[in-house]
């Protein structure tokens, strides 16, 4: 696959005379984040490259491929976290383009990739996956600034390895070694590269930027039915379906008063009736339930709220919190200032009325503008999102 030429780090280029002083330029964002998703051949997508901003809405009718795009992003995130290929793609045959023809060996597959921006500039990752007759990675390429930093290829179909070559720029231009064919090679590089030469350090920095960007992902699809019942106290970390929301509130209400006040303010705008507080009540059987305080002595249990109100509540909580509150495999060894959490929200507008979706998108835009939380979501129609700051709309057609 072609590797585009990427410009050098702008910090390394001397500013010519007459340019604006450095203080007038926007600060360089060094937080690792995914800025492009590529679906070269994946299910119904062909040659697609989707830009990703602080908030990105995949918009289109049913069958346009919105959910598939989010699934590809989530799969890359799992691979970046070290998951085996079968865990990232539990249904690989369904991801092969329908009209893809097998080769002489009966093999078919798919190709996806992404770009991670950050301190190292744009870093590209592209992988080719064989789905039939057996699941394996048959090719991977990591590039930055026009240099191929890692390249793998399947040389012997009889072995469960790929031949890898990574940039060294020392006494030898590259180092070659076998890597397992069921893991992302980029995620394994920190365990294999010593970092003794400038070239090796470049490889490590680019690989770590990609892995940090991919691991900081939280797929979220609130399930109202599971949010209405009391739950036992647990880890206090929100699950993707948000069924343990009451357990999370039991923890977070006391931990961050300012954030909780913002949550209550948002609920006042998105729920029917007055809302002066949101809290978790302990029950005699040891479980807790979440309730809205109406301010007049009345408390309303979540069981009485509509589906749209519950989805609005859960997504608002997700956008106002961070990795410490969400059940996400965030790289704890990386400072918060160097990473960005990305929320994947399929059916972002499902069950929401116009006022709720505007409030929720506005919150997502404000949080995305600060740089710490990004959102990639799927909606059936995005005409209502026009003009919202920091929102990128990607229109998809079947």
Protein backbone atom coordinates (compact mmCIF):
# COMPACT_ATOMS: atom_id res chain seq x y z
CA UNK A 1 0.00 0.00 0.00
CA UNK A 2 1.22 3.49 -0.77
CA UNK A 3 2.87 5.52 1.98
CA UNK A 4 2.25 9.28 1.71
CA UNK A 5 4.97 11.75 2.43
CA UNK A 6 4.45 13.47 5.76
CA UNK A 7 6.02 16.84 6.47
CA UNK A 8 8.68 17.12 9.11
CA UNK A 9 7.94 18.24 12.65
CA UNK A 10 7.13 21.98 12.41
CA UNK A 11 9.10 22.63 15.58
CA UNK A 12 12.26 21.51 13.82
CA UNK A 13 11.93 24.08 11.03
CA UNK A 14 13.29 27.59 11.54
CA UNK A 15 10.69 30.29 10.98
CA UNK A 16 11.55 32.55 8.04
CA UNK A 17 11.73 36.28 8.54
CA UNK A 18 8.41 38.09 8.51
CA UNK A 19 6.35 35.29 9.98
CA UNK A 20 4.08 35.84 12.96
CA UNK A 21 5.75 35.52 16.37
CA UNK A 22 5.42 32.12 18.04
CA UNK A 23 3.16 33.45 20.79
CA UNK A 24 0.45 34.28 18.23
CA UNK A 25 0.23 30.69 16.97
CA UNK A 26 -2.06 28.10 18.53
CA UNK A 27 -0.22 25.78 20.92
CA UNK A 28 0.90 22.42 19.56
CA UNK A 29 -1.43 19.68 20.80
CA UNK A 30 0.80 16.82 21.95
CA UNK A 31 -2.00 14.60 23.27
CA UNK A 32 -2.16 11.28 21.42
CA UNK A 33 -5.44 11.00 19.50
CA UNK A 34 -6.84 9.28 16.42
CA UNK A 35 -7.44 11.81 13.64
CA UNK A 36 -8.36 9.54 10.72
CA UNK A 37 -10.04 6.16 10.31
CA UNK A 38 -9.36 4.26 7.09
CA UNK A 39 -11.56 1.44 5.84
CA UNK A 40 -9.74 0.40 2.69
CA UNK A 41 -11.77 -2.79 2.33
CA UNK A 42 -14.03 -3.55 5.29
CA UNK A 43 -17.57 -4.93 5.07
CA UNK A 44 -19.46 -2.41 2.90
CA UNK A 45 -16.68 0.20 2.89
CA UNK A 46 -14.18 0.56 0.04
CA UNK A 47 -11.32 3.06 -0.10
CA UNK A 48 -12.85 5.15 2.69
CA UNK A 49 -10.87 7.62 4.80
CA UNK A 50 -12.84 9.47 7.49
CA UNK A 51 -11.40 12.54 9.27
CA UNK A 52 -11.99 12.59 13.03
CA UNK A 53 -12.24 15.82 15.01
CA UNK A 54 -12.96 16.56 18.68
CA UNK A 55 -16.55 15.45 17.97
CA UNK A 56 -17.34 13.41 14.86
CA UNK A 57 -20.81 12.36 13.75
CA UNK A 58 -21.16 9.54 11.23
CA UNK A 59 -24.51 10.39 9.66
CA UNK A 60 -26.59 8.38 7.23
CA UNK A 61 -29.56 6.07 6.79
CA UNK A 62 -29.73 2.50 7.99
CA UNK A 63 -27.24 0.35 6.10
CA UNK A 64 -24.84 3.22 5.37
CA UNK A 65 -22.06 1.65 7.45
CA UNK A 66 -22.07 3.88 10.54
CA UNK A 67 -22.04 1.02 13.04
CA UNK A 68 -19.46 -0.82 10.96
CA UNK A 69 -17.12 2.17 11.10
CA UNK A 70 -17.43 2.34 14.88
CA UNK A 71 -16.81 -1.43 15.06
CA UNK A 72 -13.59 -1.01 13.09
CA UNK A 73 -12.43 1.74 15.47
CA UNK A 74 -13.25 -0.43 18.49
CA UNK A 75 -11.41 -3.41 16.97
CA UNK A 76 -8.29 -1.30 16.40
CA UNK A 77 -8.54 -0.13 20.01
CA UNK A 78 -8.65 -3.71 21.25
CA UNK A 79 -5.63 -4.64 19.14
CA UNK A 80 -3.78 -1.59 20.44
CA UNK A 81 -4.44 -2.83 23.97
CA UNK A 82 -2.80 -6.17 23.17
CA UNK A 83 -5.95 -8.23 22.56
CA UNK A 84 -5.69 -11.26 20.26
CA UNK A 85 -7.15 -10.95 16.79
CA UNK A 86 -10.09 -13.27 17.53
CA UNK A 87 -11.18 -11.04 20.41
CA UNK A 88 -11.00 -7.89 18.29
CA UNK A 89 -12.89 -9.52 15.39
CA UNK A 90 -15.27 -12.18 16.79
CA UNK A 91 -17.11 -12.30 13.43
CA UNK A 92 -14.30 -11.83 10.87
CA UNK A 93 -16.12 -13.36 7.90
CA UNK A 94 -18.81 -10.67 8.18
CA UNK A 95 -16.13 -7.99 7.82
CA UNK A 96 -14.92 -9.25 4.43
CA UNK A 97 -16.33 -7.17 1.54
CA UNK A 98 -19.25 -9.10 0.09
CA UNK A 99 -17.88 -9.13 -3.46
CA UNK A 100 -14.30 -9.99 -2.49
CA UNK A 101 -13.13 -13.05 -4.39
CA UNK A 102 -10.84 -15.64 -2.77
CA UNK A 103 -7.37 -16.17 -4.17
CA UNK A 104 -6.06 -19.52 -5.40
CA UNK A 105 -5.62 -20.64 -1.79
CA UNK A 106 -9.20 -19.76 -0.86
CA UNK A 107 -8.09 -16.76 1.20
CA UNK A 108 -10.19 -13.63 1.74
CA UNK A 109 -9.82 -10.75 4.17
CA UNK A 110 -10.09 -7.03 4.85
CA UNK A 111 -7.89 -3.95 5.33
CA UNK A 112 -8.26 -1.11 7.84
CA UNK A 113 -6.05 1.57 9.35
CA UNK A 114 -5.89 4.85 11.22
CA UNK A 115 -3.72 7.89 11.88
CA UNK A 116 -2.67 8.98 15.37
CA UNK A 117 -1.49 12.56 15.88
CA UNK A 118 0.49 13.87 18.82
CA UNK A 119 4.02 14.82 19.81
CA UNK A 120 5.48 12.70 16.98
CA UNK A 121 3.26 14.27 14.34
CA UNK A 122 0.93 12.08 12.22
CA UNK A 123 1.67 8.35 12.58
CA UNK A 124 -0.12 5.95 10.20
CA UNK A 125 -1.05 2.35 10.92
CA UNK A 126 -2.45 0.01 8.26
CA UNK A 127 -3.19 -3.69 8.64
CA UNK A 128 -4.32 -6.47 6.32
CA UNK A 129 -6.26 -9.28 7.96
CA UNK A 130 -6.96 -12.70 6.48
CA UNK A 131 -10.41 -13.82 7.63
CA UNK A 132 -10.75 -17.05 5.64
CA UNK A 133 -9.88 -19.88 5.85
CA UNK A 134 -8.18 -18.91 9.15
CA UNK A 135 -7.95 -15.61 10.99
CA UNK A 136 -4.52 -13.98 10.99
CA UNK A 137 -2.75 -10.68 10.34
CA UNK A 138 -0.92 -11.01 7.02
CA UNK A 139 0.50 -7.49 6.78
CA UNK A 140 1.04 -4.41 8.92
CA UNK A 141 2.74 -1.09 8.27
CA UNK A 142 3.57 1.76 10.66
CA UNK A 143 4.84 4.98 9.07
CA UNK A 144 5.73 8.50 10.20
CA UNK A 145 7.26 11.45 8.35
CA UNK A 146 7.55 9.36 5.20
CA UNK A 147 9.59 6.63 6.90
CA UNK A 148 8.39 3.03 7.21
CA UNK A 149 9.03 2.24 10.87
CA UNK A 150 7.54 -1.26 10.95
CA UNK A 151 6.49 -3.59 8.18
CA UNK A 152 5.29 -7.17 8.49
CA UNK A 153 4.35 -9.75 5.88
CA UNK A 154 3.25 -13.36 5.81
CA UNK A 155 6.06 -15.37 4.21
CA UNK A 156 5.18 -18.93 5.18
CA UNK A 157 1.45 -19.75 5.48
CA UNK A 158 2.40 -22.90 7.37
CA UNK A 159 3.75 -20.91 10.32
CA UNK A 160 1.70 -18.81 12.76
CA UNK A 161 4.13 -15.90 12.46
CA UNK A 162 4.78 -12.96 10.16
CA UNK A 163 8.21 -11.68 9.19
CA UNK A 164 8.71 -8.23 10.72
CA UNK A 165 11.26 -5.53 9.90
CA UNK A 166 11.57 -2.36 11.94
CA UNK A 167 13.61 0.77 11.40
CA UNK A 168 16.97 0.83 13.19
CA UNK A 169 19.19 3.39 11.40
CA UNK A 170 22.23 1.94 13.17
CA UNK A 171 24.87 -0.45 11.88
CA UNK A 172 21.96 -2.17 10.11
CA UNK A 173 19.16 -0.22 8.46
CA UNK A 174 16.47 -2.57 9.79
CA UNK A 175 16.07 -5.35 12.31
CA UNK A 176 14.20 -8.49 11.26
CA UNK A 177 12.41 -10.98 13.50
CA UNK A 178 9.25 -13.10 13.51
CA UNK A 179 6.15 -11.81 15.32
CA UNK A 180 2.91 -13.69 16.11
CA UNK A 181 0.25 -13.38 13.44
CA UNK A 182 -2.62 -12.92 15.92
CA UNK A 183 -1.38 -9.73 17.60
CA UNK A 184 -0.77 -6.17 16.48
CA UNK A 185 2.97 -5.83 15.90
CA UNK A 186 2.92 -2.12 16.77
CA UNK A 187 1.72 -2.96 20.29
CA UNK A 188 4.58 -5.46 20.69
CA UNK A 189 7.38 -3.11 19.63
CA UNK A 190 8.05 -1.66 23.12
CA UNK A 191 8.87 -5.23 24.20
CA UNK A 192 11.17 -5.91 21.24
CA UNK A 193 13.01 -2.66 20.49
CA UNK A 194 15.91 -1.69 22.74
CA UNK A 195 15.89 2.03 21.95
CA UNK A 196 19.69 2.27 21.62
CA UNK A 197 19.80 4.23 18.35
CA UNK A 198 17.98 7.36 17.22
CA UNK A 199 16.11 5.23 14.72
CA UNK A 200 14.96 2.79 17.38
CA UNK A 201 13.86 5.63 19.63
CA UNK A 202 11.86 7.08 16.75
CA UNK A 203 10.16 3.71 16.26
CA UNK A 204 9.35 3.43 19.96
CA UNK A 205 7.97 6.97 20.22
CA UNK A 206 5.72 6.50 17.17
CA UNK A 207 4.49 3.08 18.30
CA UNK A 208 3.75 4.35 21.81
CA UNK A 209 1.83 7.33 20.41
CA UNK A 210 -0.31 4.99 18.32
CA UNK A 211 -0.91 2.56 21.20
CA UNK A 212 -1.80 5.33 23.67
CA UNK A 213 -4.27 6.84 21.20
CA UNK A 214 -5.91 3.48 20.52
CA UNK A 215 -6.11 2.25 24.10
CA UNK A 216 -7.92 5.36 25.37
CA UNK A 217 -11.32 4.35 23.96
CA UNK A 218 -14.68 3.78 25.70
CA UNK A 219 -17.52 2.26 23.62
CA UNK A 220 -20.79 3.46 25.16
CA UNK A 221 -24.34 2.39 24.31
CA UNK A 222 -26.58 3.04 27.35
CA UNK A 223 -29.27 0.39 27.89
CA UNK A 224 -32.20 2.03 29.72
CA UNK A 225 -33.74 -1.30 30.77
CA UNK A 226 -30.64 -2.21 32.78
CA UNK A 227 -30.36 1.25 34.36
CA UNK A 228 -33.71 1.21 36.14
CA UNK A 229 -33.06 -1.56 38.66
CA UNK A 230 -31.01 -1.23 41.88
CA UNK A 231 -27.47 -2.63 41.64
CA UNK A 232 -24.93 -3.97 44.14
CA UNK A 233 -21.96 -1.82 45.06
CA UNK A 234 -18.96 -2.67 42.91
CA UNK A 235 -15.89 -1.05 41.40
CA UNK A 236 -17.59 2.29 40.77
CA UNK A 237 -16.40 2.20 37.15
CA UNK A 238 -19.08 2.69 34.52
CA UNK A 239 -19.71 -0.22 32.13
CA UNK A 240 -20.42 0.34 28.40
CA UNK A 241 -24.14 -0.39 28.86
CA UNK A 242 -24.30 1.94 31.90
CA UNK A 243 -26.35 -0.59 33.88
CA UNK A 244 -24.26 0.10 37.00
CA UNK A 245 -24.85 3.87 36.90
CA UNK A 246 -26.16 3.95 40.50
CA UNK A 247 -22.94 2.32 41.74
CA UNK A 248 -20.90 4.95 39.88
CA UNK A 249 -22.95 7.81 41.34
CA UNK A 250 -22.41 6.43 44.86
CA UNK A 251 -18.70 6.99 44.27
CA UNK A 252 -18.48 10.11 42.09
CA UNK A 253 -20.94 12.39 43.91
CA UNK A 254 -18.54 12.67 46.85
CA UNK A 255 -15.31 12.63 44.81
CA UNK A 256 -15.87 15.70 42.63
CA UNK A 257 -18.48 18.24 43.70
CA UNK A 258 -17.83 20.59 40.77
CA UNK A 259 -18.29 17.86 38.16
CA UNK A 260 -21.41 16.60 39.93
CA UNK A 261 -22.86 20.11 39.93
CA UNK A 262 -22.29 20.28 36.15
CA UNK A 263 -24.07 16.95 35.77
CA UNK A 264 -27.08 18.15 37.77
CA UNK A 265 -27.22 21.36 35.72
CA UNK A 266 -27.22 19.34 32.50
CA UNK A 267 -29.98 17.07 33.81
CA UNK A 268 -32.09 20.09 34.68
CA UNK A 269 -31.96 21.01 30.97
CA UNK A 270 -32.55 17.48 29.64
CA UNK A 271 -35.06 15.85 32.00
CA UNK A 272 -38.75 16.57 32.48
CA UNK A 273 -39.56 18.44 35.68
CA UNK A 274 -37.22 20.20 38.11
CA UNK A 275 -33.91 18.52 39.05
CA UNK A 276 -31.91 19.82 42.02
CA UNK A 277 -29.70 16.77 42.58
CA UNK A 278 -28.85 13.26 41.42
CA UNK A 279 -27.82 10.75 44.03
CA UNK A 280 -27.59 7.08 44.91
CA UNK A 281 -29.70 5.75 47.78
CA UNK A 282 -28.68 2.63 49.74
CA UNK A 283 -31.39 -0.01 50.12
CA UNK A 284 -31.85 -2.53 52.95
CA UNK A 285 -30.66 -5.45 50.80
CA UNK A 286 -27.25 -3.83 50.25
CA UNK A 287 -27.94 -2.50 46.75
CA UNK A 288 -28.18 1.13 45.67
CA UNK A 289 -30.60 2.91 43.36
CA UNK A 290 -30.20 6.23 41.56
CA UNK A 291 -32.81 8.94 42.13
CA UNK A 292 -33.50 12.51 41.01
CA UNK A 293 -34.11 15.03 43.79
CA UNK A 294 -36.96 17.30 42.71
CA UNK A 295 -36.25 19.93 45.39
CA UNK A 296 -39.58 19.73 47.19
CA UNK A 297 -38.95 16.60 49.22
CA UNK A 298 -39.83 14.30 46.31
CA UNK A 299 -37.27 11.88 44.88
CA UNK A 300 -37.88 10.12 41.57
CA UNK A 301 -36.28 6.73 40.95
CA UNK A 302 -34.71 6.07 37.55
CA UNK A 303 -37.33 3.36 37.02
CA UNK A 304 -39.84 6.17 36.38
CA UNK A 305 -37.75 7.95 33.73
CA UNK A 306 -38.19 7.52 30.00
CA UNK A 307 -35.65 5.82 27.77
CA UNK A 308 -34.52 9.13 26.29
CA UNK A 309 -33.99 10.66 29.73
CA UNK A 310 -31.91 7.68 30.83
CA UNK A 311 -29.74 7.71 27.71
CA UNK A 312 -29.27 11.46 28.07
CA UNK A 313 -28.29 11.03 31.73
CA UNK A 314 -25.79 8.25 31.01
CA UNK A 315 -24.11 9.96 28.04
CA UNK A 316 -23.87 13.22 29.98
CA UNK A 317 -22.15 11.40 32.85
CA UNK A 318 -19.70 9.78 30.43
CA UNK A 319 -18.77 13.10 28.80
CA UNK A 320 -18.22 14.79 32.17
CA UNK A 321 -16.04 12.04 33.64
CA UNK A 322 -12.76 10.45 32.58
CA UNK A 323 -10.82 7.17 32.47
CA UNK A 324 -10.80 6.86 36.26
CA UNK A 325 -14.60 6.51 36.29
CA UNK A 326 -15.11 4.48 33.09
CA UNK A 327 -14.34 0.79 32.57
CA UNK A 328 -11.61 1.49 30.01
CA UNK A 329 -8.12 0.10 29.45
CA UNK A 330 -6.43 3.49 29.65
CA UNK A 331 -2.60 3.49 29.73
CA UNK A 332 -2.03 4.39 33.37
CA UNK A 333 1.69 4.90 32.82
CA UNK A 334 0.96 7.89 30.56
CA UNK A 335 0.17 11.28 32.17
CA UNK A 336 -3.36 12.61 31.57
CA UNK A 337 -1.87 15.63 29.76
CA UNK A 338 -0.53 13.32 27.02
CA UNK A 339 -3.66 11.32 26.28
CA UNK A 340 -7.24 11.88 25.17
CA UNK A 341 -10.19 9.64 25.96
CA UNK A 342 -12.41 8.86 22.96
CA UNK A 343 -16.04 7.87 23.50
CA UNK A 344 -17.64 5.71 20.78
CA UNK A 345 -21.41 6.18 20.83
CA UNK A 346 -23.54 4.19 18.40
CA UNK A 347 -27.07 5.55 18.07
CA UNK A 348 -26.05 8.79 19.79
CA UNK A 349 -29.45 10.38 19.16
CA UNK A 350 -31.53 7.25 19.83
CA UNK A 351 -34.58 8.11 21.94
CA UNK A 352 -33.55 11.75 22.41
CA UNK A 353 -35.85 14.67 21.69
CA UNK A 354 -34.48 17.71 19.79
CA UNK A 355 -33.66 19.66 22.96
CA UNK A 356 -31.82 16.72 24.54
CA UNK A 357 -29.67 16.00 21.51
CA UNK A 358 -28.74 19.69 21.14
CA UNK A 359 -27.75 19.89 24.82
CA UNK A 360 -25.77 16.66 24.60
CA UNK A 361 -23.96 17.64 21.41
CA UNK A 362 -23.15 21.06 22.87
CA UNK A 363 -21.64 19.38 25.93
CA UNK A 364 -19.64 17.01 23.73
CA UNK A 365 -18.35 19.98 21.73
CA UNK A 366 -17.31 21.89 24.85
CA UNK A 367 -15.52 18.88 26.32
CA UNK A 368 -13.92 18.06 22.97
CA UNK A 369 -12.71 21.64 22.61
CA UNK A 370 -10.77 21.28 25.85
CA UNK A 371 -8.92 18.31 24.38
CA UNK A 372 -9.35 15.69 27.09
CA UNK A 373 -12.43 13.86 25.76
CA UNK A 374 -13.33 13.24 22.11
CA UNK A 375 -16.50 11.65 20.79
CA UNK A 376 -17.14 9.59 17.66
CA UNK A 377 -20.85 8.90 17.28
CA UNK A 378 -23.39 7.53 14.81
CA UNK A 379 -26.66 9.34 14.04
CA UNK A 380 -29.34 8.82 11.42
CA UNK A 381 -29.45 12.51 10.49
CA UNK A 382 -27.11 15.35 11.43
CA UNK A 383 -28.91 18.38 9.99
CA UNK A 384 -29.63 19.54 13.55
CA UNK A 385 -25.89 19.60 14.31
CA UNK A 386 -25.01 22.26 11.72
CA UNK A 387 -22.95 25.10 13.14
CA UNK A 388 -22.03 23.37 16.41
CA UNK A 389 -18.40 24.27 17.29
CA UNK A 390 -15.77 21.49 17.17
CA UNK A 391 -18.19 19.07 15.43
CA UNK A 392 -17.22 17.20 12.24
CA UNK A 393 -20.06 15.58 10.27
CA UNK A 394 -19.22 12.65 7.98
CA UNK A 395 -22.10 11.86 5.61
CA UNK A 396 -22.40 8.19 4.63
CA UNK A 397 -24.54 6.62 1.94
CA UNK A 398 -25.39 2.92 1.48
